[in-house]
C-alpha atoms as a PDB file:
ATOM      1  CA  UNK A   1      71.621 202.082 -26.921  1.00  0.00           C
ATOM      2  CA  UNK A   2      71.915 203.756 -23.521  1.00  0.00           C
ATOM      3  CA  UNK A   3      71.985 207.533 -23.622  1.00  0.00           C
ATOM      4  CA  UNK A   4      74.240 209.486 -21.306  1.00  0.00           C
ATOM      5  CA  UNK A   5      75.385 213.072 -21.004  1.00  0.00           C
ATOM      6  CA  UNK A   6      78.551 213.902 -22.895  1.00  0.00           C
ATOM      7  CA  UNK A   7      81.087 215.384 -20.504  1.00  0.00           C
ATOM      8  CA  UNK A   8      84.179 215.653 -22.685  1.00  0.00           C
ATOM      9  CA  UNK A   9      85.241 218.823 -24.462  1.00  0.00           C
ATOM     10  CA  UNK A  10      83.642 219.072 -27.871  1.00  0.00           C
ATOM     11  CA  UNK A  11      85.066 221.749 -30.171  1.00  0.00           C
ATOM     12  CA  UNK A  12      82.234 223.906 -31.444  1.00  0.00           C
ATOM     13  CA  UNK A  13      82.515 225.404 -34.913  1.00  0.00           C
ATOM     14  CA  UNK A  14      78.957 226.662 -35.279  1.00  0.00           C
ATOM     15  CA  UNK A  15      78.322 230.370 -35.063  1.00  0.00           C
ATOM     16  CA  UNK A  16      74.883 231.730 -34.275  1.00  0.00           C
ATOM     17  CA  UNK A  17      73.293 233.203 -37.382  1.00  0.00           C
ATOM     18  CA  UNK A  18      72.693 236.900 -36.951  1.00  0.00           C
ATOM     19  CA  UNK A  19      70.985 237.517 -40.278  1.00  0.00           C
ATOM     20  CA  UNK A  20      67.374 237.708 -39.119  1.00  0.00           C
ATOM     21  CA  UNK A  21      65.869 240.919 -40.393  1.00  0.00           C
ATOM     22  CA  UNK A  22      68.676 241.622 -42.876  1.00  0.00           C
ATOM     23  CA  UNK A  23      66.994 240.061 -45.911  1.00  0.00           C
ATOM     24  CA  UNK A  24      65.792 242.693 -48.329  1.00  0.00           C
ATOM     25  CA  UNK A  25      62.587 242.339 -50.288  1.00  0.00           C
ATOM     26  CA  UNK A  26      61.795 243.977 -53.603  1.00  0.00           C
ATOM     27  CA  UNK A  27      58.202 244.995 -52.911  1.00  0.00           C
ATOM     28  CA  UNK A  28      57.665 247.514 -55.714  1.00  0.00           C
ATOM     29  CA  UNK A  29      56.635 245.789 -58.939  1.00  0.00           C
ATOM     30  CA  UNK A  30      57.202 247.621 -62.185  1.00  0.00           C
ATOM     31  CA  UNK A  31      53.506 247.319 -63.065  1.00  0.00           C
ATOM     32  CA  UNK A  32      50.276 247.737 -61.139  1.00  0.00           C
ATOM     33  CA  UNK A  33      49.080 244.407 -62.492  1.00  0.00           C
ATOM     34  CA  UNK A  34      47.423 242.211 -59.875  1.00  0.00           C
ATOM     35  CA  UNK A  35      49.762 239.291 -60.475  1.00  0.00           C
ATOM     36  CA  UNK A  36      52.867 241.431 -60.009  1.00  0.00           C
ATOM     37  CA  UNK A  37      51.497 242.835 -56.769  1.00  0.00           C
ATOM     38  CA  UNK A  38      50.621 239.332 -55.523  1.00  0.00           C
ATOM     39  CA  UNK A  39      54.046 238.106 -56.626  1.00  0.00           C
ATOM     40  CA  UNK A  40      55.774 240.771 -54.529  1.00  0.00           C
ATOM     41  CA  UNK A  41      53.502 240.058 -51.549  1.00  0.00           C
ATOM     42  CA  UNK A  42      54.141 236.316 -51.762  1.00  0.00           C
ATOM     43  CA  UNK A  43      57.898 236.928 -51.830  1.00  0.00           C
ATOM     44  CA  UNK A  44      57.617 239.091 -48.716  1.00  0.00           C
ATOM     45  CA  UNK A  45      55.534 236.428 -46.938  1.00  0.00           C
ATOM     46  CA  UNK A  46      58.206 233.795 -47.623  1.00  0.00           C
ATOM     47  CA  UNK A  47      60.992 236.084 -46.394  1.00  0.00           C
ATOM     48  CA  UNK A  48      59.067 236.978 -43.235  1.00  0.00           C
ATOM     49  CA  UNK A  49      58.637 233.283 -42.426  1.00  0.00           C
ATOM     50  CA  UNK A  50      62.320 232.717 -43.135  1.00  0.00           C
ATOM     51  CA  UNK A  51      63.069 235.115 -40.281  1.00  0.00           C
ATOM     52  CA  UNK A  52      61.040 232.866 -37.947  1.00  0.00           C
ATOM     53  CA  UNK A  53      63.098 229.864 -39.056  1.00  0.00           C
ATOM     54  CA  UNK A  54      66.348 231.710 -38.395  1.00  0.00           C
ATOM     55  CA  UNK A  55      65.243 232.426 -34.830  1.00  0.00           C
ATOM     56  CA  UNK A  56      64.553 228.720 -34.226  1.00  0.00           C
ATOM     57  CA  UNK A  57      67.847 227.755 -35.817  1.00  0.00           C
ATOM     58  CA  UNK A  58      69.726 230.236 -33.643  1.00  0.00           C
ATOM     59  CA  UNK A  59      68.028 228.821 -30.535  1.00  0.00           C
ATOM     60  CA  UNK A  60      68.980 225.270 -31.592  1.00  0.00           C
ATOM     61  CA  UNK A  61      72.623 226.286 -32.042  1.00  0.00           C
ATOM     62  CA  UNK A  62      72.657 228.003 -28.646  1.00  0.00           C
ATOM     63  CA  UNK A  63      71.214 224.873 -27.031  1.00  0.00           C
ATOM     64  CA  UNK A  64      73.888 222.730 -28.685  1.00  0.00           C
ATOM     65  CA  UNK A  65      76.642 225.074 -27.528  1.00  0.00           C
ATOM     66  CA  UNK A  66      75.181 224.840 -23.993  1.00  0.00           C
ATOM     67  CA  UNK A  67      75.210 221.016 -24.376  1.00  0.00           C
ATOM     68  CA  UNK A  68      71.471 220.872 -23.868  1.00  0.00           C
ATOM     69  CA  UNK A  69      71.110 218.270 -26.607  1.00  0.00           C
ATOM     70  CA  UNK A  70      67.514 217.329 -25.830  1.00  0.00           C
ATOM     71  CA  UNK A  71      66.419 220.949 -26.187  1.00  0.00           C
ATOM     72  CA  UNK A  72      68.469 221.289 -29.353  1.00  0.00           C
ATOM     73  CA  UNK A  73      66.692 218.327 -30.935  1.00  0.00           C
ATOM     74  CA  UNK A  74      63.274 219.728 -30.022  1.00  0.00           C
ATOM     75  CA  UNK A  75      64.268 222.985 -31.680  1.00  0.00           C
ATOM     76  CA  UNK A  76      65.555 221.090 -34.720  1.00  0.00           C
ATOM     77  CA  UNK A  77      62.158 219.450 -35.121  1.00  0.00           C
ATOM     78  CA  UNK A  78      60.525 222.866 -34.828  1.00  0.00           C
ATOM     79  CA  UNK A  79      62.861 224.218 -37.493  1.00  0.00           C
ATOM     80  CA  UNK A  80      61.996 221.322 -39.831  1.00  0.00           C
ATOM     81  CA  UNK A  81      58.260 221.962 -39.391  1.00  0.00           C
ATOM     82  CA  UNK A  82      58.706 225.682 -39.983  1.00  0.00           C
ATOM     83  CA  UNK A  83      60.783 224.924 -43.048  1.00  0.00           C
ATOM     84  CA  UNK A  84      57.923 222.855 -44.488  1.00  0.00           C
ATOM     85  CA  UNK A  85      55.605 225.822 -43.981  1.00  0.00           C
ATOM     86  CA  UNK A  86      58.206 228.003 -45.680  1.00  0.00           C
ATOM     87  CA  UNK A  87      58.284 225.545 -48.611  1.00  0.00           C
ATOM     88  CA  UNK A  88      54.535 226.000 -49.126  1.00  0.00           C
ATOM     89  CA  UNK A  89      54.972 229.796 -49.180  1.00  0.00           C
ATOM     90  CA  UNK A  90      57.765 229.476 -51.728  1.00  0.00           C
ATOM     91  CA  UNK A  91      55.439 227.249 -53.747  1.00  0.00           C
ATOM     92  CA  UNK A  92      52.871 230.060 -53.869  1.00  0.00           C
ATOM     93  CA  UNK A  93      55.603 232.473 -54.982  1.00  0.00           C
ATOM     94  CA  UNK A  94      56.748 230.006 -57.640  1.00  0.00           C
ATOM     95  CA  UNK A  95      53.202 229.833 -58.989  1.00  0.00           C
ATOM     96  CA  UNK A  96      53.094 233.591 -59.433  1.00  0.00           C
ATOM     97  CA  UNK A  97      56.506 233.572 -61.117  1.00  0.00           C
ATOM     98  CA  UNK A  98      55.241 231.012 -63.626  1.00  0.00           C
ATOM     99  CA  UNK A  99      51.846 232.663 -64.202  1.00  0.00           C
ATOM    100  CA  UNK A 100      52.851 236.335 -64.308  1.00  0.00           C
ATOM    101  CA  UNK A 101      53.674 237.925 -67.653  1.00  0.00           C
ATOM    102  CA  UNK A 102      57.359 238.706 -67.293  1.00  0.00           C
ATOM    103  CA  UNK A 103      60.064 239.244 -69.847  1.00  0.00           C
ATOM    104  CA  UNK A 104      63.731 240.162 -70.085  1.00  0.00           C
ATOM    105  CA  UNK A 105      65.419 241.329 -66.857  1.00  0.00           C
ATOM    106  CA  UNK A 106      62.199 241.017 -64.816  1.00  0.00           C
ATOM    107  CA  UNK A 107      61.805 237.320 -65.597  1.00  0.00           C
ATOM    108  CA  UNK A 108      65.508 236.686 -64.989  1.00  0.00           C
ATOM    109  CA  UNK A 109      65.328 238.511 -61.657  1.00  0.00           C
ATOM    110  CA  UNK A 110      62.305 236.675 -60.289  1.00  0.00           C
ATOM    111  CA  UNK A 111      63.451 233.266 -61.504  1.00  0.00           C
ATOM    112  CA  UNK A 112      66.905 233.678 -59.956  1.00  0.00           C
ATOM    113  CA  UNK A 113      65.427 234.949 -56.687  1.00  0.00           C
ATOM    114  CA  UNK A 114      63.108 231.920 -56.701  1.00  0.00           C
ATOM    115  CA  UNK A 115      66.112 229.617 -57.093  1.00  0.00           C
ATOM    116  CA  UNK A 116      67.727 231.281 -54.060  1.00  0.00           C
ATOM    117  CA  UNK A 117      64.549 230.965 -51.984  1.00  0.00           C
ATOM    118  CA  UNK A 118      64.489 227.271 -52.857  1.00  0.00           C
ATOM    119  CA  UNK A 119      68.176 226.967 -51.960  1.00  0.00           C
ATOM    120  CA  UNK A 120      67.424 228.453 -48.519  1.00  0.00           C
ATOM    121  CA  UNK A 121      65.122 225.508 -47.822  1.00  0.00           C
ATOM    122  CA  UNK A 122      67.774 222.943 -48.837  1.00  0.00           C
ATOM    123  CA  UNK A 123      70.432 224.685 -46.756  1.00  0.00           C
ATOM    124  CA  UNK A 124      68.191 224.763 -43.688  1.00  0.00           C
ATOM    125  CA  UNK A 125      67.062 221.156 -44.098  1.00  0.00           C
ATOM    126  CA  UNK A 126      70.587 219.788 -44.335  1.00  0.00           C
ATOM    127  CA  UNK A 127      72.109 221.946 -41.598  1.00  0.00           C
ATOM    128  CA  UNK A 128      69.251 221.010 -39.248  1.00  0.00           C
ATOM    129  CA  UNK A 129      69.582 217.333 -40.137  1.00  0.00           C
ATOM    130  CA  UNK A 130      73.313 217.349 -39.348  1.00  0.00           C
ATOM    131  CA  UNK A 131      72.865 219.365 -36.155  1.00  0.00           C
ATOM    132  CA  UNK A 132      70.281 216.850 -34.942  1.00  0.00           C
ATOM    133  CA  UNK A 133      72.677 213.981 -35.661  1.00  0.00           C
ATOM    134  CA  UNK A 134      75.466 215.837 -33.867  1.00  0.00           C
ATOM    135  CA  UNK A 135      73.213 215.932 -30.789  1.00  0.00           C
ATOM    136  CA  UNK A 136      72.579 212.191 -30.981  1.00  0.00           C
ATOM    137  CA  UNK A 137      76.267 211.357 -31.205  1.00  0.00           C
ATOM    138  CA  UNK A 138      77.241 213.881 -28.521  1.00  0.00           C
ATOM    139  CA  UNK A 139      74.664 212.380 -26.158  1.00  0.00           C
ATOM    140  CA  UNK A 140      76.293 208.971 -26.710  1.00  0.00           C
ATOM    141  CA  UNK A 141      79.757 210.402 -26.096  1.00  0.00           C
ATOM    142  CA  UNK A 142      80.828 209.862 -29.719  1.00  0.00           C
ATOM    143  CA  UNK A 143      82.909 213.001 -30.285  1.00  0.00           C
ATOM    144  CA  UNK A 144      84.227 211.950 -33.701  1.00  0.00           C
ATOM    145  CA  UNK A 145      80.851 211.587 -35.366  1.00  0.00           C
ATOM    146  CA  UNK A 146      79.360 214.496 -33.458  1.00  0.00           C
ATOM    147  CA  UNK A 147      82.080 216.877 -34.577  1.00  0.00           C
ATOM    148  CA  UNK A 148      81.818 215.569 -38.140  1.00  0.00           C
ATOM    149  CA  UNK A 149      78.135 216.498 -38.295  1.00  0.00           C
ATOM    150  CA  UNK A 150      78.745 219.805 -36.525  1.00  0.00           C
ATOM    151  CA  UNK A 151      81.178 220.700 -39.282  1.00  0.00           C
ATOM    152  CA  UNK A 152      78.681 219.618 -41.953  1.00  0.00           C
ATOM    153  CA  UNK A 153      75.967 221.739 -40.341  1.00  0.00           C
ATOM    154  CA  UNK A 154      78.373 224.656 -40.284  1.00  0.00           C
ATOM    155  CA  UNK A 155      79.124 224.247 -44.007  1.00  0.00           C
ATOM    156  CA  UNK A 156      75.453 224.429 -44.943  1.00  0.00           C
ATOM    157  CA  UNK A 157      74.846 227.360 -42.604  1.00  0.00           C
ATOM    158  CA  UNK A 158      77.693 229.233 -44.277  1.00  0.00           C
ATOM    159  CA  UNK A 159      76.150 228.581 -47.706  1.00  0.00           C
ATOM    160  CA  UNK A 160      72.792 229.733 -46.316  1.00  0.00           C
ATOM    161  CA  UNK A 161      74.382 232.983 -45.111  1.00  0.00           C
ATOM    162  CA  UNK A 162      76.141 233.460 -48.469  1.00  0.00           C
ATOM    163  CA  UNK A 163      72.831 232.959 -50.272  1.00  0.00           C
ATOM    164  CA  UNK A 164      71.264 235.701 -48.158  1.00  0.00           C
ATOM    165  CA  UNK A 165      74.035 238.003 -49.381  1.00  0.00           C
ATOM    166  CA  UNK A 166      73.333 236.991 -52.992  1.00  0.00           C
ATOM    167  CA  UNK A 167      69.613 237.561 -52.583  1.00  0.00           C
ATOM    168  CA  UNK A 168      70.290 241.058 -51.244  1.00  0.00           C
ATOM    169  CA  UNK A 169      72.846 241.753 -53.995  1.00  0.00           C
ATOM    170  CA  UNK A 170      70.198 240.886 -56.582  1.00  0.00           C
ATOM    171  CA  UNK A 171      67.709 243.276 -54.942  1.00  0.00           C
ATOM    172  CA  UNK A 172      70.348 246.026 -55.055  1.00  0.00           C
ATOM    173  CA  UNK A 173      71.139 245.237 -58.709  1.00  0.00           C
ATOM    174  CA  UNK A 174      67.478 245.472 -59.690  1.00  0.00           C
ATOM    175  CA  UNK A 175      67.096 248.773 -57.827  1.00  0.00           C
ATOM    176  CA  UNK A 176      70.049 250.077 -59.895  1.00  0.00           C
ATOM    177  CA  UNK A 177      68.249 248.807 -63.025  1.00  0.00           C
ATOM    178  CA  UNK A 178      71.063 246.341 -63.632  1.00  0.00           C
ATOM    179  CA  UNK A 179      70.492 242.834 -64.969  1.00  0.00           C
ATOM    180  CA  UNK A 180      73.677 241.423 -63.426  1.00  0.00           C
ATOM    181  CA  UNK A 181      71.917 238.919 -61.147  1.00  0.00           C
ATOM    182  CA  UNK A 182      73.742 236.177 -59.208  1.00  0.00           C
ATOM    183  CA  UNK A 183      72.696 232.529 -58.960  1.00  0.00           C
ATOM    184  CA  UNK A 184      72.592 230.752 -55.568  1.00  0.00           C
ATOM    185  CA  UNK A 185      75.753 229.307 -54.048  1.00  0.00           C
ATOM    186  CA  UNK A 186      76.150 225.590 -54.913  1.00  0.00           C
ATOM    187  CA  UNK A 187      75.407 223.156 -52.097  1.00  0.00           C
ATOM    188  CA  UNK A 188      78.460 221.748 -50.283  1.00  0.00           C
ATOM    189  CA  UNK A 189      79.847 218.500 -51.633  1.00  0.00           C
ATOM    190  CA  UNK A 190      78.723 215.122 -50.311  1.00  0.00           C
ATOM    191  CA  UNK A 191      79.824 214.369 -46.749  1.00  0.00           C
ATOM    192  CA  UNK A 192      83.324 213.031 -46.203  1.00  0.00           C
ATOM    193  CA  UNK A 193      83.499 210.164 -43.712  1.00  0.00           C
ATOM    194  CA  UNK A 194      85.336 210.771 -40.434  1.00  0.00           C
ATOM    195  CA  UNK A 195      88.779 209.059 -40.419  1.00  0.00           C
ATOM    196  CA  UNK A 196      88.597 205.374 -39.530  1.00  0.00           C
ATOM    197  CA  UNK A 197      84.810 205.176 -39.649  1.00  0.00           C
ATOM    198  CA  UNK A 198      82.321 203.447 -41.887  1.00  0.00           C
ATOM    199  CA  UNK A 199      80.253 205.234 -44.485  1.00  0.00           C
ATOM    200  CA  UNK A 200      78.074 207.703 -42.586  1.00  0.00           C
ATOM    201  CA  UNK A 201      75.733 207.960 -45.521  1.00  0.00           C
ATOM    202  CA  UNK A 202      74.468 204.463 -44.698  1.00  0.00           C
ATOM    203  CA  UNK A 203      70.860 204.782 -43.552  1.00  0.00           C
ATOM    204  CA  UNK A 204      71.242 202.669 -40.423  1.00  0.00           C
ATOM    205  CA  UNK A 205      74.476 204.241 -39.196  1.00  0.00           C
ATOM    206  CA  UNK A 206      73.463 207.829 -39.885  1.00  0.00           C
ATOM    207  CA  UNK A 207      70.084 207.453 -38.239  1.00  0.00           C
ATOM    208  CA  UNK A 208      68.257 208.382 -41.417  1.00  0.00           C
ATOM    209  CA  UNK A 209      65.139 206.451 -42.357  1.00  0.00           C
ATOM    210  CA  UNK A 210      65.632 203.843 -45.067  1.00  0.00           C
ATOM    211  CA  UNK A 211      63.406 205.044 -47.910  1.00  0.00           C
ATOM    212  CA  UNK A 212      64.045 202.078 -50.209  1.00  0.00           C
ATOM    213  CA  UNK A 213      60.629 200.596 -49.350  1.00  0.00           C
ATOM    214  CA  UNK A 214      58.907 203.499 -51.131  1.00  0.00           C
ATOM    215  CA  UNK A 215      58.018 202.487 -54.712  1.00  0.00           C
ATOM    216  CA  UNK A 216      60.295 204.008 -57.331  1.00  0.00           C
ATOM    217  CA  UNK A 217      59.144 205.964 -59.222  1.00  0.00           C
ATOM    218  CA  UNK A 218      56.572 207.155 -56.691  1.00  0.00           C
ATOM    219  CA  UNK A 219      55.114 210.270 -58.302  1.00  0.00           C
ATOM    220  CA  UNK A 220      53.941 209.703 -61.882  1.00  0.00           C
ATOM    221  CA  UNK A 221      53.044 212.574 -64.202  1.00  0.00           C
ATOM    222  CA  UNK A 222      49.511 212.338 -65.550  1.00  0.00           C
ATOM    223  CA  UNK A 223      46.933 214.738 -66.974  1.00  0.00           C
ATOM    224  CA  UNK A 224      47.505 218.377 -66.008  1.00  0.00           C
ATOM    225  CA  UNK A 225      45.115 219.895 -63.496  1.00  0.00           C
ATOM    226  CA  UNK A 226      45.176 223.161 -61.576  1.00  0.00           C
ATOM    227  CA  UNK A 227      44.846 223.816 -57.854  1.00  0.00           C
ATOM    228  CA  UNK A 228      41.147 224.688 -57.674  1.00  0.00           C
ATOM    229  CA  UNK A 229      38.423 223.255 -55.387  1.00  0.00           C
ATOM    230  CA  UNK A 230      36.546 221.804 -58.375  1.00  0.00           C
ATOM    231  CA  UNK A 231      39.597 219.921 -59.628  1.00  0.00           C
ATOM    232  CA  UNK A 232      40.381 218.591 -56.156  1.00  0.00           C
ATOM    233  CA  UNK A 233      36.781 217.407 -55.759  1.00  0.00           C
ATOM    234  CA  UNK A 234      36.926 215.752 -59.161  1.00  0.00           C
ATOM    235  CA  UNK A 235      40.073 213.846 -58.256  1.00  0.00           C
ATOM    236  CA  UNK A 236      38.697 212.722 -54.896  1.00  0.00           C
ATOM    237  CA  UNK A 237      35.825 211.091 -56.746  1.00  0.00           C
ATOM    238  CA  UNK A 238      33.808 208.783 -54.506  1.00  0.00           C
ATOM    239  CA  UNK A 239      36.479 208.554 -51.862  1.00  0.00           C
ATOM    240  CA  UNK A 240      37.794 205.322 -50.377  1.00  0.00           C
ATOM    241  CA  UNK A 241      36.184 201.929 -50.735  1.00  0.00           C
ATOM    242  CA  UNK A 242      38.821 200.165 -48.637  1.00  0.00           C
ATOM    243  CA  UNK A 243      37.539 200.352 -45.040  1.00  0.00           C
ATOM    244  CA  UNK A 244      39.314 202.319 -42.326  1.00  0.00           C
ATOM    245  CA  UNK A 245      41.482 200.095 -40.100  1.00  0.00           C
ATOM    246  CA  UNK A 246      43.277 201.552 -37.091  1.00  0.00           C
ATOM    247  CA  UNK A 247      47.093 201.195 -37.253  1.00  0.00           C
ATOM    248  CA  UNK A 248      46.801 199.480 -40.632  1.00  0.00           C
ATOM    249  CA  UNK A 249      44.896 201.641 -43.114  1.00  0.00           C
ATOM    250  CA  UNK A 250      44.054 204.746 -41.142  1.00  0.00           C
ATOM    251  CA  UNK A 251      44.416 208.514 -41.491  1.00  0.00           C
ATOM    252  CA  UNK A 252      48.132 208.438 -42.332  1.00  0.00           C
ATOM    253  CA  UNK A 253      47.867 205.905 -45.179  1.00  0.00           C
ATOM    254  CA  UNK A 254      44.730 207.640 -46.439  1.00  0.00           C
ATOM    255  CA  UNK A 255      46.389 211.067 -46.385  1.00  0.00           C
ATOM    256  CA  UNK A 256      49.493 209.722 -48.129  1.00  0.00           C
ATOM    257  CA  UNK A 257      47.381 208.173 -50.878  1.00  0.00           C
ATOM    258  CA  UNK A 258      45.418 211.380 -51.451  1.00  0.00           C
ATOM    259  CA  UNK A 259      48.622 213.443 -51.589  1.00  0.00           C
ATOM    260  CA  UNK A 260      50.089 210.962 -54.092  1.00  0.00           C
ATOM    261  CA  UNK A 261      47.004 211.010 -56.328  1.00  0.00           C
ATOM    262  CA  UNK A 262      46.782 214.809 -56.354  1.00  0.00           C
ATOM    263  CA  UNK A 263      50.495 215.261 -57.032  1.00  0.00           C
ATOM    264  CA  UNK A 264      50.342 212.728 -59.868  1.00  0.00           C
ATOM    265  CA  UNK A 265      47.727 214.971 -61.464  1.00  0.00           C
ATOM    266  CA  UNK A 266      49.910 218.046 -60.961  1.00  0.00           C
ATOM    267  CA  UNK A 267      47.875 219.388 -58.035  1.00  0.00           C
ATOM    268  CA  UNK A 268      50.251 220.570 -55.328  1.00  0.00           C
ATOM    269  CA  UNK A 269      49.410 218.978 -51.972  1.00  0.00           C
ATOM    270  CA  UNK A 270      51.064 218.591 -48.572  1.00  0.00           C
ATOM    271  CA  UNK A 271      50.680 216.058 -45.784  1.00  0.00           C
ATOM    272  CA  UNK A 272      49.820 217.723 -42.465  1.00  0.00           C
ATOM    273  CA  UNK A 273      50.060 216.113 -39.033  1.00  0.00           C
ATOM    274  CA  UNK A 274      49.238 217.072 -35.469  1.00  0.00           C
ATOM    275  CA  UNK A 275      50.549 215.161 -32.473  1.00  0.00           C
ATOM    276  CA  UNK A 276      47.597 215.896 -30.182  1.00  0.00           C
ATOM    277  CA  UNK A 277      44.378 215.893 -32.184  1.00  0.00           C
ATOM    278  CA  UNK A 278      40.878 215.596 -30.773  1.00  0.00           C
ATOM    279  CA  UNK A 279      40.909 212.869 -28.161  1.00  0.00           C
ATOM    280  CA  UNK A 280      44.665 213.080 -27.689  1.00  0.00           C
ATOM    281  CA  UNK A 281      45.678 210.946 -30.676  1.00  0.00           C
ATOM    282  CA  UNK A 282      47.924 211.910 -33.559  1.00  0.00           C
ATOM    283  CA  UNK A 283      46.248 212.712 -36.866  1.00  0.00           C
ATOM    284  CA  UNK A 284      47.175 213.215 -40.515  1.00  0.00           C
ATOM    285  CA  UNK A 285      45.354 214.986 -43.322  1.00  0.00           C
ATOM    286  CA  UNK A 286      46.082 216.866 -46.561  1.00  0.00           C
ATOM    287  CA  UNK A 287      46.358 220.595 -47.287  1.00  0.00           C
ATOM    288  CA  UNK A 288      46.091 221.975 -50.826  1.00  0.00           C
ATOM    289  CA  UNK A 289      47.291 225.546 -51.513  1.00  0.00           C
ATOM    290  CA  UNK A 290      44.852 227.078 -53.994  1.00  0.00           C
ATOM    291  CA  UNK A 291      45.474 229.634 -56.682  1.00  0.00           C
ATOM    292  CA  UNK A 292      45.218 233.087 -55.153  1.00  0.00           C
ATOM    293  CA  UNK A 293      46.893 232.155 -51.877  1.00  0.00           C
ATOM    294  CA  UNK A 294      44.016 230.424 -50.076  1.00  0.00           C
ATOM    295  CA  UNK A 295      43.990 226.771 -48.952  1.00  0.00           C
ATOM    296  CA  UNK A 296      41.624 223.886 -48.548  1.00  0.00           C
ATOM    297  CA  UNK A 297      42.052 220.834 -46.334  1.00  0.00           C
ATOM    298  CA  UNK A 298      41.072 217.216 -46.909  1.00  0.00           C
ATOM    299  CA  UNK A 299      39.931 215.074 -43.975  1.00  0.00           C
ATOM    300  CA  UNK A 300      40.675 211.574 -45.317  1.00  0.00           C
ATOM    301  CA  UNK A 301      38.746 209.550 -42.731  1.00  0.00           C
ATOM    302  CA  UNK A 302      35.371 211.137 -43.642  1.00  0.00           C
ATOM    303  CA  UNK A 303      35.316 208.856 -46.660  1.00  0.00           C
ATOM    304  CA  UNK A 304      35.429 205.838 -44.327  1.00  0.00           C
ATOM    305  CA  UNK A 305      31.818 206.558 -43.367  1.00  0.00           C
ATOM    306  CA  UNK A 306      29.231 204.575 -45.286  1.00  0.00           C
ATOM    307  CA  UNK A 307      27.510 206.534 -48.044  1.00  0.00           C
ATOM    308  CA  UNK A 308      29.959 209.436 -48.042  1.00  0.00           C
ATOM    309  CA  UNK A 309      31.539 210.969 -51.126  1.00  0.00           C
ATOM    310  CA  UNK A 310      35.007 212.320 -51.744  1.00  0.00           C
ATOM    311  CA  UNK A 311      33.655 215.894 -51.893  1.00  0.00           C
ATOM    312  CA  UNK A 312      32.666 215.634 -48.229  1.00  0.00           C
ATOM    313  CA  UNK A 313      36.326 215.233 -47.341  1.00  0.00           C
ATOM    314  CA  UNK A 314      37.022 218.866 -48.333  1.00  0.00           C
ATOM    315  CA  UNK A 315      36.942 221.320 -45.428  1.00  0.00           C
ATOM    316  CA  UNK A 316      37.841 224.925 -44.660  1.00  0.00           C
ATOM    317  CA  UNK A 317      37.589 224.476 -40.882  1.00  0.00           C
ATOM    318  CA  UNK A 318      40.367 226.662 -39.336  1.00  0.00           C
ATOM    319  CA  UNK A 319      41.549 223.836 -37.091  1.00  0.00           C
ATOM    320  CA  UNK A 320      42.878 222.028 -40.180  1.00  0.00           C
ATOM    321  CA  UNK A 321      45.280 224.851 -40.925  1.00  0.00           C
ATOM    322  CA  UNK A 322      47.097 224.571 -37.592  1.00  0.00           C
ATOM    323  CA  UNK A 323      49.480 221.628 -37.627  1.00  0.00           C
ATOM    324  CA  UNK A 324      52.684 220.446 -35.987  1.00  0.00           C
ATOM    325  CA  UNK A 325      54.296 219.239 -39.214  1.00  0.00           C
ATOM    326  CA  UNK A 326      53.708 219.983 -42.896  1.00  0.00           C
ATOM    327  CA  UNK A 327      55.448 217.758 -45.459  1.00  0.00           C
ATOM    328  CA  UNK A 328      55.545 218.525 -49.155  1.00  0.00           C
ATOM    329  CA  UNK A 329      56.076 214.901 -50.185  1.00  0.00           C
ATOM    330  CA  UNK A 330      56.186 211.288 -48.998  1.00  0.00           C
ATOM    331  CA  UNK A 331      59.940 211.440 -48.516  1.00  0.00           C
ATOM    332  CA  UNK A 332      59.861 214.171 -45.891  1.00  0.00           C
ATOM    333  CA  UNK A 333      56.990 212.485 -44.042  1.00  0.00           C
ATOM    334  CA  UNK A 334      58.807 209.138 -44.109  1.00  0.00           C
ATOM    335  CA  UNK A 335      62.076 210.637 -42.929  1.00  0.00           C
ATOM    336  CA  UNK A 336      60.270 212.016 -39.895  1.00  0.00           C
ATOM    337  CA  UNK A 337      57.789 209.256 -38.986  1.00  0.00           C
ATOM    338  CA  UNK A 338      59.048 206.185 -40.867  1.00  0.00           C
ATOM    339  CA  UNK A 339      57.869 204.621 -44.129  1.00  0.00           C
ATOM    340  CA  UNK A 340      55.551 202.141 -42.403  1.00  0.00           C
ATOM    341  CA  UNK A 341      53.349 205.017 -41.201  1.00  0.00           C
ATOM    342  CA  UNK A 342      52.379 205.910 -44.793  1.00  0.00           C
ATOM    343  CA  UNK A 343      52.704 202.714 -46.877  1.00  0.00           C
ATOM    344  CA  UNK A 344      49.266 202.720 -48.470  1.00  0.00           C
ATOM    345  CA  UNK A 345      50.720 200.867 -51.470  1.00  0.00           C
ATOM    346  CA  UNK A 346      51.008 197.752 -49.292  1.00  0.00           C
ATOM    347  CA  UNK A 347      47.432 197.980 -48.017  1.00  0.00           C
ATOM    348  CA  UNK A 348      45.259 199.447 -50.735  1.00  0.00           C
ATOM    349  CA  UNK A 349      44.142 197.410 -53.725  1.00  0.00           C
ATOM    350  CA  UNK A 350      44.201 199.560 -56.847  1.00  0.00           C
ATOM    351  CA  UNK A 351      42.305 198.508 -59.930  1.00  0.00           C
END
């Protein structure tokens, strides 16, 4: 489809979010216990990163309002990547919520605040997704679909802003020693199709990747493990026996398989990618957030070398903790790069 600049008037209903810096954090735990201190610090880290996301989202909205759709889409991709990093920080916070000895109002407070932090991620993901689609349709001169997705983005941004208010209200309630905490705002209802158009939830029409090729169920619960280096090494075993094959069974399929295996053993793992790795090629690997807030990385292609073991795939090299995209599951990675980039299940023989 030929792309051209949209010249017609497009009503804009998005307002730039001005909430950066207005999110309160409850940083004073009731006890001096290490876990409570780490819990408060992890909450602050997530909120600080949320401020970075808001800045990118504001810039994307400004670019859309200026009809610089290419710039808007670049900023949308940046927002998505930052949101994946935010998800990993929320995951650390969630671990402390589950592992810290809390009871009564304290447990209710932290669990409700966790649900709001998780809602932030959903709100940002959906608003960014719709804003990106609005850019695509506006570039093609399709005002009807563009405005439809602008309105959808606006709905999720409003919920996001309302959830910030609820988060702050809960902080205020706790400071008053009240237990009247508020749950997150429900997500907006499913999209309503523009008049006279086909179902925009269809994967082909909406531009979303068709995920039906991913096996269902994909993640299978198995024996419980914890996020420690020893457990990761144990699960990696002897590494891969299927040989590395460029563009067929390479770093992306290998990383996806490792993430799947770890997640199926209840070890949290994310798929990391960088567009310009050593030598100028794209690369994929796995990052595992460890208990205590540290991380390890897994270089999947090391195991392709003869005589290597899975343990040699583990690395703490700083370069592996700088990435362009960080996906918490196969669905996010497939939405961004396509299912065929990760489909190890079609190329790896499992006994």
